[in-house]
Amino acid sequence: MPVPVHNTSMALLNQSDAGASHAEGSSRQPRQPTSLQGLLRFSMEATRAEDAPRDATFEPMDEERRKFLENALKSMTVDVVEILRKQIDILKKVEQLGSVDDSSEYMQAIETILDYVDNIDIANDFHKIGGFMILHPCFKCLNAQVRAGGCEILAVLCQNNPYCQQVVLDNKIIPCLINMIENDENSNVVVKALYGLSSIVRDNSECFNELVEHNGLIVLLNALKKNNEKFIIKACFLLASVCRSTTEVKNKLITLGYVSALIDLFSMERSPSHEHVLALLVCLVEDNQNAIAECRNSSFNLKDLLHRYIVNVRNKDECQEEEEYCKRLLHVLNSES
C-alpha cells in the first residue's frame, strides 16, 4: 500500500519510499494486466462464451498444470511502480541532454510514463515515489521534445485529478508553464504547456487564481494574438471552460480586451479554430451586459460578419456548431437590453 504524503509542498524534496497500489478500473486498458487479479478478470471475460455448462464435472488440477499456470501468470504480470521508478531514474539525468543530442532514451521513458499515469491511482502513486521531481529537469531541458514531453506528463497527471492539481499548486509549477507559454520558441512546447495549464486550472478555482496572480490571462491573450491555430484552440478551450463557472472571470477577460481580440480572429479567413473562438465569445456575452455592449460597438461590424459567416457555412456538416454559435450571438445582440 502507498504511504500518503500529507505535506505536498515538501514532496519534491523528500519523497516517501513507499510502494504503490496497483490500479483497477482504468479509463483505458493497460497494454498488459498489472496484477494477477486483473489478468484473471480479463481472462474470464474473454473466455466467457467458452465456459463449461453449469452441470459440468470439474476435476482437481494436477501439480504440473498448476505450476505451469502459476509461472505463466507471473510472467505476464507487470510491476507498474518498478517500471515507473526506472523511467524516473532515466529522466533525472535529462538536464545533461544537449539540444541536438540523441533524445530517444528520454523520450521512450516519457512515453512509458504516459502509458500508465492516465489512471488516477497510478498518477497519485507516481507522485508518491518521487515522479514529480523529473518535471523541472524536463522543463529546463535544451531539447524541445523533452520539454514538450514533460508538459504532457503533467497534463495527463492532473487531468480530473485534484490530488495532483494540489501538488502542482503547492510546488508553484503553474508559473513555470506560464513562462513557457510566453517565452518558449518551440510551438509544440507552447501547445503542450497550454494543455498542461488547461488540465490544472479547469474546475479548480485555487489553481485558476494562481494563473491570474502570475499574469496568466495576459499571457493567454498574447498567445491568441500570435495567430497560431493550435494556440488559439487550446487557449479558447481553457478560457471557455473557466468562464462557464463564474461571471467574475468574464469581467476580467472583457477588461483585458479579449472581446476585440476574438472578433479580430473571427474576421479572418475561416479555419478550424473559429469554432473555439465563437464558443468563447458566446460564453462571454451570455448574461453579461458589458460584453454585449462591446460586441455592439459599430466599429467591429460584428452583426454583418456573423450574417456573412452563416451564409458561407450553411449546409456544411462540419460547420454546424459554428453556425449555431453565430445564431446565438445574433440573438443576444438583437435582444433588447
C-alpha atoms as a PDB file:
ATOM      1  CA  MET A   1       0.000   0.000   0.000  1.00  0.00           C
ATOM      2  CA  PRO A   2       1.306   3.513  -0.806  1.00  0.00           C
ATOM      3  CA  VAL A   3       2.157   5.739   2.131  1.00  0.00           C
ATOM      4  CA  PRO A   4       0.217   9.045   1.917  1.00  0.00           C
ATOM      5  CA  VAL A   5       2.181  12.255   1.555  1.00  0.00           C
ATOM      6  CA  HIS A   6       0.311  14.818   3.645  1.00  0.00           C
ATOM      7  CA  ASN A   7       2.619  17.800   3.026  1.00  0.00           C
ATOM      8  CA  THR A   8       2.800  18.039  -0.752  1.00  0.00           C
ATOM      9  CA  SER A   9       4.785  21.271  -0.642  1.00  0.00           C
ATOM     10  CA  MET A  10       7.773  19.240   0.579  1.00  0.00           C
ATOM     11  CA  ALA A  11       7.095  16.312  -1.734  1.00  0.00           C
ATOM     12  CA  LEU A  12       9.647  17.256  -4.386  1.00  0.00           C
ATOM     13  CA  LEU A  13      12.435  17.393  -1.820  1.00  0.00           C
ATOM     14  CA  ASN A  14      11.615  14.467   0.430  1.00  0.00           C
ATOM     15  CA  GLN A  15       9.603  11.750  -1.248  1.00  0.00           C
ATOM     16  CA  SER A  16       8.212   8.710   0.512  1.00  0.00           C
ATOM     17  CA  ASP A  17       9.880   5.465  -0.477  1.00  0.00           C
ATOM     18  CA  ALA A  18       6.571   3.683  -0.259  1.00  0.00           C
ATOM     19  CA  GLY A  19       5.226   1.125  -2.672  1.00  0.00           C
ATOM     20  CA  ALA A  20       2.042   1.753  -4.590  1.00  0.00           C
ATOM     21  CA  SER A  21      -1.330   0.167  -5.061  1.00  0.00           C
ATOM     22  CA  HIS A  22      -1.995  -1.318  -8.478  1.00  0.00           C
ATOM     23  CA  ALA A  23      -4.805   0.460 -10.311  1.00  0.00           C
ATOM     24  CA  GLU A  24      -8.043  -1.172 -11.273  1.00  0.00           C
ATOM     25  CA  GLY A  25     -10.784   0.300 -13.405  1.00  0.00           C
ATOM     26  CA  SER A  26      -8.504   2.424 -15.607  1.00  0.00           C
ATOM     27  CA  SER A  27     -10.175   4.617 -18.215  1.00  0.00           C
ATOM     28  CA  ARG A  28      -8.159   2.807 -20.862  1.00  0.00           C
ATOM     29  CA  GLN A  29      -6.929  -0.783 -20.656  1.00  0.00           C
ATOM     30  CA  PRO A  30      -3.159  -1.106 -19.987  1.00  0.00           C
ATOM     31  CA  ARG A  31      -1.070  -2.919 -22.540  1.00  0.00           C
ATOM     32  CA  GLN A  32      -0.695  -5.781 -20.046  1.00  0.00           C
ATOM     33  CA  PRO A  33      -2.604  -6.725 -16.882  1.00  0.00           C
ATOM     34  CA  THR A  34      -0.981  -5.116 -13.863  1.00  0.00           C
ATOM     35  CA  SER A  35      -1.990  -7.724 -11.287  1.00  0.00           C
ATOM     36  CA  LEU A  36      -2.907 -11.361 -11.027  1.00  0.00           C
ATOM     37  CA  GLN A  37      -6.480 -10.335 -10.237  1.00  0.00           C
ATOM     38  CA  GLY A  38      -6.595  -8.141 -13.311  1.00  0.00           C
ATOM     39  CA  LEU A  39      -5.301 -10.902 -15.553  1.00  0.00           C
ATOM     40  CA  LEU A  40      -7.773 -13.421 -14.162  1.00  0.00           C
ATOM     41  CA  ARG A  41     -10.659 -10.958 -14.625  1.00  0.00           C
ATOM     42  CA  PHE A  42      -9.560 -10.248 -18.192  1.00  0.00           C
ATOM     43  CA  SER A  43      -9.257 -13.965 -18.970  1.00  0.00           C
ATOM     44  CA  MET A  44     -12.661 -14.769 -17.518  1.00  0.00           C
ATOM     45  CA  GLU A  45     -14.361 -12.051 -19.558  1.00  0.00           C
ATOM     46  CA  ALA A  46     -12.571 -13.047 -22.747  1.00  0.00           C
ATOM     47  CA  THR A  47     -13.468 -16.747 -22.427  1.00  0.00           C
ATOM     48  CA  ARG A  48     -16.978 -16.422 -21.020  1.00  0.00           C
ATOM     49  CA  ALA A  49     -18.522 -17.922 -24.160  1.00  0.00           C
ATOM     50  CA  GLU A  50     -16.346 -20.992 -23.768  1.00  0.00           C
ATOM     51  CA  ASP A  51     -17.328 -21.669 -20.169  1.00  0.00           C
ATOM     52  CA  ALA A  52     -18.389 -25.197 -19.404  1.00  0.00           C
ATOM     53  CA  PRO A  53     -22.088 -25.858 -18.665  1.00  0.00           C
ATOM     54  CA  ARG A  54     -23.120 -25.352 -15.057  1.00  0.00           C
ATOM     55  CA  ASP A  55     -23.581 -29.082 -14.564  1.00  0.00           C
ATOM     56  CA  ALA A  56     -20.115 -29.953 -15.936  1.00  0.00           C
ATOM     57  CA  THR A  57     -17.885 -32.096 -13.749  1.00  0.00           C
ATOM     58  CA  PHE A  58     -14.661 -30.428 -12.592  1.00  0.00           C
ATOM     59  CA  GLU A  59     -11.544 -32.362 -11.701  1.00  0.00           C
ATOM     60  CA  PRO A  60      -8.724 -31.222  -9.413  1.00  0.00           C
ATOM     61  CA  MET A  61      -5.833 -29.539 -11.240  1.00  0.00           C
ATOM     62  CA  ASP A  62      -2.710 -31.678 -11.259  1.00  0.00           C
ATOM     63  CA  GLU A  63       0.508 -30.248  -9.795  1.00  0.00           C
ATOM     64  CA  GLU A  64       2.328 -29.942 -13.109  1.00  0.00           C
ATOM     65  CA  ARG A  65      -0.507 -27.947 -14.694  1.00  0.00           C
ATOM     66  CA  ARG A  66      -0.872 -25.780 -11.591  1.00  0.00           C
ATOM     67  CA  LYS A  67       2.819 -24.835 -11.684  1.00  0.00           C
ATOM     68  CA  PHE A  68       2.666 -24.117 -15.411  1.00  0.00           C
ATOM     69  CA  LEU A  69      -0.307 -21.785 -14.939  1.00  0.00           C
ATOM     70  CA  GLU A  70       1.305 -20.082 -11.949  1.00  0.00           C
ATOM     71  CA  ASN A  71       4.516 -19.389 -13.868  1.00  0.00           C
ATOM     72  CA  ALA A  72       2.552 -18.137 -16.878  1.00  0.00           C
ATOM     73  CA  LEU A  73       0.648 -15.697 -14.681  1.00  0.00           C
ATOM     74  CA  LYS A  74       3.839 -14.438 -13.041  1.00  0.00           C
ATOM     75  CA  SER A  75       5.483 -13.846 -16.416  1.00  0.00           C
ATOM     76  CA  MET A  76       2.544 -11.777 -17.642  1.00  0.00           C
ATOM     77  CA  THR A  77       2.005  -9.501 -14.654  1.00  0.00           C
ATOM     78  CA  VAL A  78       3.649  -6.081 -14.530  1.00  0.00           C
ATOM     79  CA  ASP A  79       5.121  -4.246 -11.566  1.00  0.00           C
ATOM     80  CA  VAL A  80       3.984  -0.771 -12.599  1.00  0.00           C
ATOM     81  CA  VAL A  81       5.728   1.028  -9.747  1.00  0.00           C
ATOM     82  CA  GLU A  82       9.063  -0.572 -10.588  1.00  0.00           C
ATOM     83  CA  ILE A  83       8.643   0.349 -14.257  1.00  0.00           C
ATOM     84  CA  LEU A  84       7.893   3.962 -13.312  1.00  0.00           C
ATOM     85  CA  ARG A  85      10.875   4.126 -10.938  1.00  0.00           C
ATOM     86  CA  LYS A  86      13.179   3.112 -13.801  1.00  0.00           C
ATOM     87  CA  GLN A  87      11.811   5.858 -16.049  1.00  0.00           C
ATOM     88  CA  ILE A  88      12.179   8.418 -13.245  1.00  0.00           C
ATOM     89  CA  ASP A  89      15.826   7.428 -12.803  1.00  0.00           C
ATOM     90  CA  ILE A  90      16.432   7.933 -16.526  1.00  0.00           C
ATOM     91  CA  LEU A  91      14.782  11.350 -16.588  1.00  0.00           C
ATOM     92  CA  LYS A  92      16.676  12.603 -13.539  1.00  0.00           C
ATOM     93  CA  LYS A  93      19.682  12.898 -15.881  1.00  0.00           C
ATOM     94  CA  VAL A  94      17.833  14.729 -18.655  1.00  0.00           C
ATOM     95  CA  GLU A  95      19.426  18.113 -17.922  1.00  0.00           C
ATOM     96  CA  GLN A  96      22.659  16.708 -19.367  1.00  0.00           C
ATOM     97  CA  LEU A  97      20.990  16.431 -22.784  1.00  0.00           C
ATOM     98  CA  GLY A  98      22.008  18.983 -25.426  1.00  0.00           C
ATOM     99  CA  SER A  99      19.655  20.492 -27.962  1.00  0.00           C
ATOM    100  CA  VAL A 100      20.920  18.244 -30.785  1.00  0.00           C
ATOM    101  CA  ASP A 101      21.846  15.137 -28.747  1.00  0.00           C
ATOM    102  CA  ASP A 102      20.036  11.841 -29.222  1.00  0.00           C
ATOM    103  CA  SER A 103      16.945  12.059 -27.011  1.00  0.00           C
ATOM    104  CA  SER A 104      15.499   8.624 -27.816  1.00  0.00           C
ATOM    105  CA  GLU A 105      16.180   7.093 -24.379  1.00  0.00           C
ATOM    106  CA  TYR A 106      14.499  10.018 -22.608  1.00  0.00           C
ATOM    107  CA  MET A 107      11.555  10.152 -25.000  1.00  0.00           C
ATOM    108  CA  GLN A 108      10.991   6.420 -24.529  1.00  0.00           C
ATOM    109  CA  ALA A 109      10.932   6.999 -20.768  1.00  0.00           C
ATOM    110  CA  ILE A 110       8.362   9.769 -21.230  1.00  0.00           C
ATOM    111  CA  GLU A 111       6.200   7.565 -23.465  1.00  0.00           C
ATOM    112  CA  THR A 112       6.350   4.709 -20.951  1.00  0.00           C
ATOM    113  CA  ILE A 113       5.218   7.019 -18.145  1.00  0.00           C
ATOM    114  CA  LEU A 114       2.359   8.302 -20.307  1.00  0.00           C
ATOM    115  CA  ASP A 115       1.228   4.714 -20.893  1.00  0.00           C
ATOM    116  CA  TYR A 116       0.362   4.380 -17.197  1.00  0.00           C
ATOM    117  CA  VAL A 117      -0.358   7.715 -15.492  1.00  0.00           C
ATOM    118  CA  ASP A 118      -3.698   8.381 -17.177  1.00  0.00           C
ATOM    119  CA  ASN A 119      -5.062   6.153 -14.396  1.00  0.00           C
ATOM    120  CA  ILE A 120      -5.673   8.409 -11.374  1.00  0.00           C
ATOM    121  CA  ASP A 121      -4.449   5.880  -8.795  1.00  0.00           C
ATOM    122  CA  ILE A 122      -1.217   5.334 -10.698  1.00  0.00           C
ATOM    123  CA  ALA A 123      -0.833   9.099 -11.208  1.00  0.00           C
ATOM    124  CA  ASN A 124      -1.032   9.611  -7.450  1.00  0.00           C
ATOM    125  CA  ASP A 125       1.436   6.801  -6.852  1.00  0.00           C
ATOM    126  CA  PHE A 126       3.761   8.383  -9.421  1.00  0.00           C
ATOM    127  CA  HIS A 127       3.951  11.444  -7.195  1.00  0.00           C
ATOM    128  CA  LYS A 128       4.477   9.385  -4.045  1.00  0.00           C
ATOM    129  CA  ILE A 129       7.505   7.580  -5.496  1.00  0.00           C
ATOM    130  CA  GLY A 130       9.174  10.862  -6.486  1.00  0.00           C
ATOM    131  CA  GLY A 131       7.929  11.244 -10.041  1.00  0.00           C
ATOM    132  CA  PHE A 132       7.242  14.981  -9.867  1.00  0.00           C
ATOM    133  CA  MET A 133      10.958  15.583  -9.321  1.00  0.00           C
ATOM    134  CA  ILE A 134      11.608  14.974 -13.027  1.00  0.00           C
ATOM    135  CA  LEU A 135       9.257  17.733 -14.218  1.00  0.00           C
ATOM    136  CA  HIS A 136      11.537  20.728 -13.682  1.00  0.00           C
ATOM    137  CA  PRO A 137      14.542  19.000 -15.338  1.00  0.00           C
ATOM    138  CA  CYS A 138      12.288  18.244 -18.319  1.00  0.00           C
ATOM    139  CA  PHE A 139      11.008  21.841 -18.439  1.00  0.00           C
ATOM    140  CA  LYS A 140      14.572  23.202 -18.413  1.00  0.00           C
ATOM    141  CA  CYS A 141      15.992  20.696 -20.907  1.00  0.00           C
ATOM    142  CA  LEU A 142      17.602  22.166 -24.026  1.00  0.00           C
ATOM    143  CA  ASN A 143      15.806  19.567 -26.142  1.00  0.00           C
ATOM    144  CA  ALA A 144      12.347  20.816 -27.194  1.00  0.00           C
ATOM    145  CA  GLN A 145      10.888  17.301 -27.468  1.00  0.00           C
ATOM    146  CA  VAL A 146      11.714  16.638 -23.836  1.00  0.00           C
ATOM    147  CA  ARG A 147      10.257  19.976 -22.705  1.00  0.00           C
ATOM    148  CA  ALA A 148       7.039  19.175 -24.556  1.00  0.00           C
ATOM    149  CA  GLY A 149       7.031  15.640 -23.136  1.00  0.00           C
ATOM    150  CA  GLY A 150       7.389  16.954 -19.588  1.00  0.00           C
ATOM    151  CA  CYS A 151       4.391  19.238 -20.127  1.00  0.00           C
ATOM    152  CA  GLU A 152       2.359  16.336 -21.489  1.00  0.00           C
ATOM    153  CA  ILE A 153       3.186  14.153 -18.481  1.00  0.00           C
ATOM    154  CA  LEU A 154       1.998  16.957 -16.207  1.00  0.00           C
ATOM    155  CA  ALA A 155      -1.203  17.395 -18.223  1.00  0.00           C
ATOM    156  CA  VAL A 156      -2.093  13.704 -18.036  1.00  0.00           C
ATOM    157  CA  LEU A 157      -1.256  13.514 -14.319  1.00  0.00           C
ATOM    158  CA  CYS A 158      -3.545  16.438 -13.491  1.00  0.00           C
ATOM    159  CA  GLN A 159      -6.496  15.694 -15.781  1.00  0.00           C
ATOM    160  CA  ASN A 160      -9.537  15.451 -13.453  1.00  0.00           C
ATOM    161  CA  ASN A 161      -7.160  14.720 -10.562  1.00  0.00           C
ATOM    162  CA  PRO A 162      -7.498  17.080  -7.548  1.00  0.00           C
ATOM    163  CA  TYR A 163      -4.633  15.379  -5.688  1.00  0.00           C
ATOM    164  CA  CYS A 164      -2.069  16.091  -8.410  1.00  0.00           C
ATOM    165  CA  GLN A 165      -3.533  19.549  -9.010  1.00  0.00           C
ATOM    166  CA  GLN A 166      -2.873  20.340  -5.354  1.00  0.00           C
ATOM    167  CA  VAL A 167       0.714  19.081  -5.677  1.00  0.00           C
ATOM    168  CA  VAL A 168       1.168  21.459  -8.631  1.00  0.00           C
ATOM    169  CA  LEU A 169      -0.267  24.334  -6.617  1.00  0.00           C
ATOM    170  CA  ASP A 170       1.884  23.636  -3.551  1.00  0.00           C
ATOM    171  CA  ASN A 171       5.061  23.409  -5.611  1.00  0.00           C
ATOM    172  CA  LYS A 172       4.493  26.537  -7.748  1.00  0.00           C
ATOM    173  CA  ILE A 173       4.526  24.730 -11.087  1.00  0.00           C
ATOM    174  CA  ILE A 174       1.899  26.969 -12.724  1.00  0.00           C
ATOM    175  CA  PRO A 175       4.346  29.910 -13.156  1.00  0.00           C
ATOM    176  CA  CYS A 176       6.733  27.558 -14.994  1.00  0.00           C
ATOM    177  CA  LEU A 177       4.018  26.708 -17.528  1.00  0.00           C
ATOM    178  CA  ILE A 178       3.068  30.360 -17.965  1.00  0.00           C
ATOM    179  CA  ASN A 179       6.713  31.201 -18.609  1.00  0.00           C
ATOM    180  CA  MET A 180       6.974  28.500 -21.297  1.00  0.00           C
ATOM    181  CA  ILE A 181       3.779  29.694 -22.990  1.00  0.00           C
ATOM    182  CA  GLU A 182       5.137  33.226 -23.064  1.00  0.00           C
ATOM    183  CA  ASN A 183       8.767  32.607 -23.945  1.00  0.00           C
ATOM    184  CA  ASP A 184       9.434  29.179 -25.455  1.00  0.00           C
ATOM    185  CA  GLU A 185      10.333  29.455 -29.144  1.00  0.00           C
ATOM    186  CA  ASN A 186       9.122  25.960 -29.984  1.00  0.00           C
ATOM    187  CA  SER A 187       5.428  25.935 -30.881  1.00  0.00           C
ATOM    188  CA  ASN A 188       4.900  22.315 -29.810  1.00  0.00           C
ATOM    189  CA  VAL A 189       6.246  23.093 -26.344  1.00  0.00           C
ATOM    190  CA  VAL A 190       3.792  26.005 -26.076  1.00  0.00           C
ATOM    191  CA  VAL A 191       0.896  23.765 -27.162  1.00  0.00           C
ATOM    192  CA  LYS A 192       1.786  21.117 -24.564  1.00  0.00           C
ATOM    193  CA  ALA A 193       2.245  23.788 -21.876  1.00  0.00           C
ATOM    194  CA  LEU A 194      -1.245  25.106 -22.717  1.00  0.00           C
ATOM    195  CA  TYR A 195      -2.532  21.536 -22.458  1.00  0.00           C
ATOM    196  CA  GLY A 196      -0.910  21.190 -19.042  1.00  0.00           C
ATOM    197  CA  LEU A 197      -2.267  24.514 -17.817  1.00  0.00           C
ATOM    198  CA  SER A 198      -5.768  23.611 -19.007  1.00  0.00           C
ATOM    199  CA  SER A 199      -5.704  20.270 -17.163  1.00  0.00           C
ATOM    200  CA  ILE A 200      -4.671  22.032 -13.955  1.00  0.00           C
ATOM    201  CA  VAL A 201      -6.920  25.106 -13.811  1.00  0.00           C
ATOM    202  CA  ARG A 202     -10.211  23.855 -15.265  1.00  0.00           C
ATOM    203  CA  ASP A 203     -12.666  23.174 -12.415  1.00  0.00           C
ATOM    204  CA  ASN A 204     -10.049  24.198  -9.830  1.00  0.00           C
ATOM    205  CA  SER A 205     -10.565  27.753  -8.588  1.00  0.00           C
ATOM    206  CA  GLU A 206      -7.378  27.832  -6.497  1.00  0.00           C
ATOM    207  CA  CYS A 207      -5.250  26.906  -9.478  1.00  0.00           C
ATOM    208  CA  PHE A 208      -7.056  29.425 -11.663  1.00  0.00           C
ATOM    209  CA  ASN A 209      -6.402  32.157  -9.097  1.00  0.00           C
ATOM    210  CA  GLU A 210      -2.719  31.219  -9.230  1.00  0.00           C
ATOM    211  CA  LEU A 211      -2.826  31.635 -13.003  1.00  0.00           C
ATOM    212  CA  VAL A 212      -4.397  35.098 -12.636  1.00  0.00           C
ATOM    213  CA  GLU A 213      -1.875  36.099  -9.964  1.00  0.00           C
ATOM    214  CA  HIS A 214       1.013  35.398 -12.347  1.00  0.00           C
ATOM    215  CA  ASN A 215      -0.495  37.363 -15.261  1.00  0.00           C
ATOM    216  CA  GLY A 216      -1.626  34.175 -16.968  1.00  0.00           C
ATOM    217  CA  LEU A 217      -4.658  35.829 -18.569  1.00  0.00           C
ATOM    218  CA  ILE A 218      -2.450  38.406 -20.283  1.00  0.00           C
ATOM    219  CA  VAL A 219      -0.089  35.666 -21.461  1.00  0.00           C
ATOM    220  CA  LEU A 220      -3.041  33.702 -22.887  1.00  0.00           C
ATOM    221  CA  LEU A 221      -4.311  36.824 -24.660  1.00  0.00           C
ATOM    222  CA  ASN A 222      -0.883  37.316 -26.235  1.00  0.00           C
ATOM    223  CA  ALA A 223      -0.896  33.660 -27.283  1.00  0.00           C
ATOM    224  CA  LEU A 224      -4.186  34.251 -29.113  1.00  0.00           C
ATOM    225  CA  LYS A 225      -2.690  37.214 -30.939  1.00  0.00           C
ATOM    226  CA  LYS A 226       0.132  35.056 -32.344  1.00  0.00           C
ATOM    227  CA  ASN A 227      -2.485  33.637 -34.731  1.00  0.00           C
ATOM    228  CA  ASN A 228      -1.297  30.058 -34.302  1.00  0.00           C
ATOM    229  CA  GLU A 229      -4.199  27.633 -34.808  1.00  0.00           C
ATOM    230  CA  LYS A 230      -3.191  25.268 -32.024  1.00  0.00           C
ATOM    231  CA  PHE A 231      -2.531  28.102 -29.553  1.00  0.00           C
ATOM    232  CA  ILE A 232      -5.966  29.571 -30.282  1.00  0.00           C
ATOM    233  CA  ILE A 233      -7.791  26.255 -29.885  1.00  0.00           C
ATOM    234  CA  LYS A 234      -6.083  25.369 -26.595  1.00  0.00           C
ATOM    235  CA  ALA A 235      -6.400  28.849 -25.068  1.00  0.00           C
ATOM    236  CA  CYS A 236     -10.051  29.312 -26.072  1.00  0.00           C
ATOM    237  CA  PHE A 237     -10.998  25.866 -24.791  1.00  0.00           C
ATOM    238  CA  LEU A 238      -9.327  26.569 -21.442  1.00  0.00           C
ATOM    239  CA  LEU A 239     -10.932  30.010 -21.040  1.00  0.00           C
ATOM    240  CA  ALA A 240     -14.415  28.916 -22.166  1.00  0.00           C
ATOM    241  CA  SER A 241     -14.333  26.132 -19.571  1.00  0.00           C
ATOM    242  CA  VAL A 242     -13.423  28.591 -16.823  1.00  0.00           C
ATOM    243  CA  CYS A 243     -15.922  31.253 -17.973  1.00  0.00           C
ATOM    244  CA  ARG A 244     -18.824  28.865 -17.550  1.00  0.00           C
ATOM    245  CA  SER A 245     -18.132  28.722 -13.827  1.00  0.00           C
ATOM    246  CA  THR A 246     -18.163  32.391 -12.836  1.00  0.00           C
ATOM    247  CA  THR A 247     -19.136  35.855 -14.053  1.00  0.00           C
ATOM    248  CA  GLU A 248     -16.051  37.335 -12.385  1.00  0.00           C
ATOM    249  CA  VAL A 249     -13.784  35.610 -14.893  1.00  0.00           C
ATOM    250  CA  LYS A 250     -15.782  37.035 -17.793  1.00  0.00           C
ATOM    251  CA  ASN A 251     -15.356  40.555 -16.464  1.00  0.00           C
ATOM    252  CA  LYS A 252     -11.590  40.066 -16.153  1.00  0.00           C
ATOM    253  CA  LEU A 253     -11.363  38.908 -19.771  1.00  0.00           C
ATOM    254  CA  ILE A 254     -13.512  41.793 -21.016  1.00  0.00           C
ATOM    255  CA  THR A 255     -11.403  44.338 -19.151  1.00  0.00           C
ATOM    256  CA  LEU A 256      -8.213  42.899 -20.657  1.00  0.00           C
ATOM    257  CA  GLY A 257      -9.550  43.248 -24.220  1.00  0.00           C
ATOM    258  CA  TYR A 258     -10.497  39.689 -25.097  1.00  0.00           C
ATOM    259  CA  VAL A 259     -13.688  40.662 -26.943  1.00  0.00           C
ATOM    260  CA  SER A 260     -11.885  42.754 -29.557  1.00  0.00           C
ATOM    261  CA  ALA A 261      -9.134  40.137 -29.900  1.00  0.00           C
ATOM    262  CA  LEU A 262     -11.677  37.383 -30.524  1.00  0.00           C
ATOM    263  CA  ILE A 263     -13.610  39.461 -33.058  1.00  0.00           C
ATOM    264  CA  ASP A 264     -10.339  40.159 -34.885  1.00  0.00           C
ATOM    265  CA  LEU A 265      -9.679  36.415 -35.075  1.00  0.00           C
ATOM    266  CA  PHE A 266     -13.243  35.712 -36.196  1.00  0.00           C
ATOM    267  CA  SER A 267     -12.981  38.286 -39.003  1.00  0.00           C
ATOM    268  CA  MET A 268     -10.080  36.366 -40.586  1.00  0.00           C
ATOM    269  CA  GLU A 269     -10.458  33.628 -43.188  1.00  0.00           C
ATOM    270  CA  ARG A 270     -12.257  30.621 -41.730  1.00  0.00           C
ATOM    271  CA  SER A 271     -10.140  27.952 -40.052  1.00  0.00           C
ATOM    272  CA  PRO A 272     -10.773  25.109 -37.569  1.00  0.00           C
ATOM    273  CA  SER A 273     -10.081  27.463 -34.653  1.00  0.00           C
ATOM    274  CA  HIS A 274     -13.128  29.580 -35.490  1.00  0.00           C
ATOM    275  CA  GLU A 275     -15.416  27.153 -33.673  1.00  0.00           C
ATOM    276  CA  HIS A 276     -13.455  27.699 -30.452  1.00  0.00           C
ATOM    277  CA  VAL A 277     -13.261  31.474 -30.931  1.00  0.00           C
ATOM    278  CA  LEU A 278     -17.043  31.613 -31.347  1.00  0.00           C
ATOM    279  CA  ALA A 279     -17.597  29.323 -28.354  1.00  0.00           C
ATOM    280  CA  LEU A 280     -15.590  31.667 -26.138  1.00  0.00           C
ATOM    281  CA  LEU A 281     -17.416  34.726 -27.484  1.00  0.00           C
ATOM    282  CA  VAL A 282     -20.752  33.083 -26.693  1.00  0.00           C
ATOM    283  CA  CYS A 283     -19.554  32.355 -23.149  1.00  0.00           C
ATOM    284  CA  LEU A 284     -18.519  35.989 -22.682  1.00  0.00           C
ATOM    285  CA  VAL A 285     -21.796  37.544 -23.857  1.00  0.00           C
ATOM    286  CA  GLU A 286     -24.193  35.227 -22.056  1.00  0.00           C
ATOM    287  CA  ASP A 287     -25.721  37.151 -19.125  1.00  0.00           C
ATOM    288  CA  ASN A 288     -23.040  39.829 -19.364  1.00  0.00           C
ATOM    289  CA  GLN A 289     -24.086  43.296 -20.463  1.00  0.00           C
ATOM    290  CA  ASN A 290     -20.514  44.588 -20.609  1.00  0.00           C
ATOM    291  CA  ALA A 291     -19.555  42.026 -23.228  1.00  0.00           C
ATOM    292  CA  ILE A 292     -22.780  42.580 -25.167  1.00  0.00           C
ATOM    293  CA  ALA A 293     -22.205  46.339 -25.232  1.00  0.00           C
ATOM    294  CA  GLU A 294     -18.684  45.865 -26.548  1.00  0.00           C
ATOM    295  CA  CYS A 295     -19.839  43.443 -29.254  1.00  0.00           C
ATOM    296  CA  ARG A 296     -22.403  46.031 -30.373  1.00  0.00           C
ATOM    297  CA  ASN A 297     -19.640  48.578 -30.993  1.00  0.00           C
ATOM    298  CA  SER A 298     -20.234  49.669 -34.581  1.00  0.00           C
ATOM    299  CA  SER A 299     -16.502  49.652 -35.363  1.00  0.00           C
ATOM    300  CA  PHE A 300     -16.495  45.847 -35.163  1.00  0.00           C
ATOM    301  CA  ASN A 301     -19.418  45.414 -37.572  1.00  0.00           C
ATOM    302  CA  LEU A 302     -19.990  42.088 -35.836  1.00  0.00           C
ATOM    303  CA  LYS A 303     -23.598  41.525 -36.936  1.00  0.00           C
ATOM    304  CA  ASP A 304     -22.662  41.740 -40.617  1.00  0.00           C
ATOM    305  CA  LEU A 305     -19.696  39.436 -40.037  1.00  0.00           C
ATOM    306  CA  LEU A 306     -21.979  36.881 -38.377  1.00  0.00           C
ATOM    307  CA  HIS A 307     -24.586  37.026 -41.162  1.00  0.00           C
ATOM    308  CA  ARG A 308     -21.938  36.519 -43.860  1.00  0.00           C
ATOM    309  CA  TYR A 309     -20.364  33.677 -41.918  1.00  0.00           C
ATOM    310  CA  ILE A 310     -23.701  31.863 -41.599  1.00  0.00           C
ATOM    311  CA  VAL A 311     -24.205  32.103 -45.365  1.00  0.00           C
ATOM    312  CA  ASN A 312     -20.730  30.682 -46.020  1.00  0.00           C
ATOM    313  CA  VAL A 313     -21.042  27.689 -43.668  1.00  0.00           C
ATOM    314  CA  ARG A 314     -24.702  26.840 -44.229  1.00  0.00           C
ATOM    315  CA  ASN A 315     -25.386  23.162 -45.067  1.00  0.00           C
ATOM    316  CA  LYS A 316     -21.813  22.152 -44.229  1.00  0.00           C
ATOM    317  CA  ASP A 317     -21.906  19.300 -41.723  1.00  0.00           C
ATOM    318  CA  GLU A 318     -18.505  20.158 -40.252  1.00  0.00           C
ATOM    319  CA  CYS A 319     -19.665  23.717 -39.501  1.00  0.00           C
ATOM    320  CA  GLN A 320     -22.930  23.054 -37.663  1.00  0.00           C
ATOM    321  CA  GLU A 321     -21.546  24.119 -34.280  1.00  0.00           C
ATOM    322  CA  GLU A 322     -20.153  27.339 -35.752  1.00  0.00           C
ATOM    323  CA  GLU A 323     -23.486  28.181 -37.377  1.00  0.00           C
ATOM    324  CA  GLU A 324     -25.276  27.598 -34.085  1.00  0.00           C
ATOM    325  CA  TYR A 325     -22.825  29.836 -32.199  1.00  0.00           C
ATOM    326  CA  CYS A 326     -23.331  32.604 -34.789  1.00  0.00           C
ATOM    327  CA  LYS A 327     -27.104  32.400 -34.402  1.00  0.00           C
ATOM    328  CA  ARG A 328     -26.834  32.544 -30.620  1.00  0.00           C
ATOM    329  CA  LEU A 329     -24.598  35.616 -30.829  1.00  0.00           C
ATOM    330  CA  LEU A 330     -27.003  37.331 -33.202  1.00  0.00           C
ATOM    331  CA  HIS A 331     -29.919  36.522 -30.910  1.00  0.00           C
ATOM    332  CA  VAL A 332     -28.122  38.110 -27.953  1.00  0.00           C
ATOM    333  CA  LEU A 333     -27.014  41.160 -29.942  1.00  0.00           C
ATOM    334  CA  ASN A 334     -30.523  41.723 -31.331  1.00  0.00           C
ATOM    335  CA  SER A 335     -32.268  41.319 -27.991  1.00  0.00           C
ATOM    336  CA  GLU A 336     -33.403  44.387 -26.066  1.00  0.00           C
ATOM    337  CA  SER A 337     -31.065  45.392 -23.233  1.00  0.00           C
END
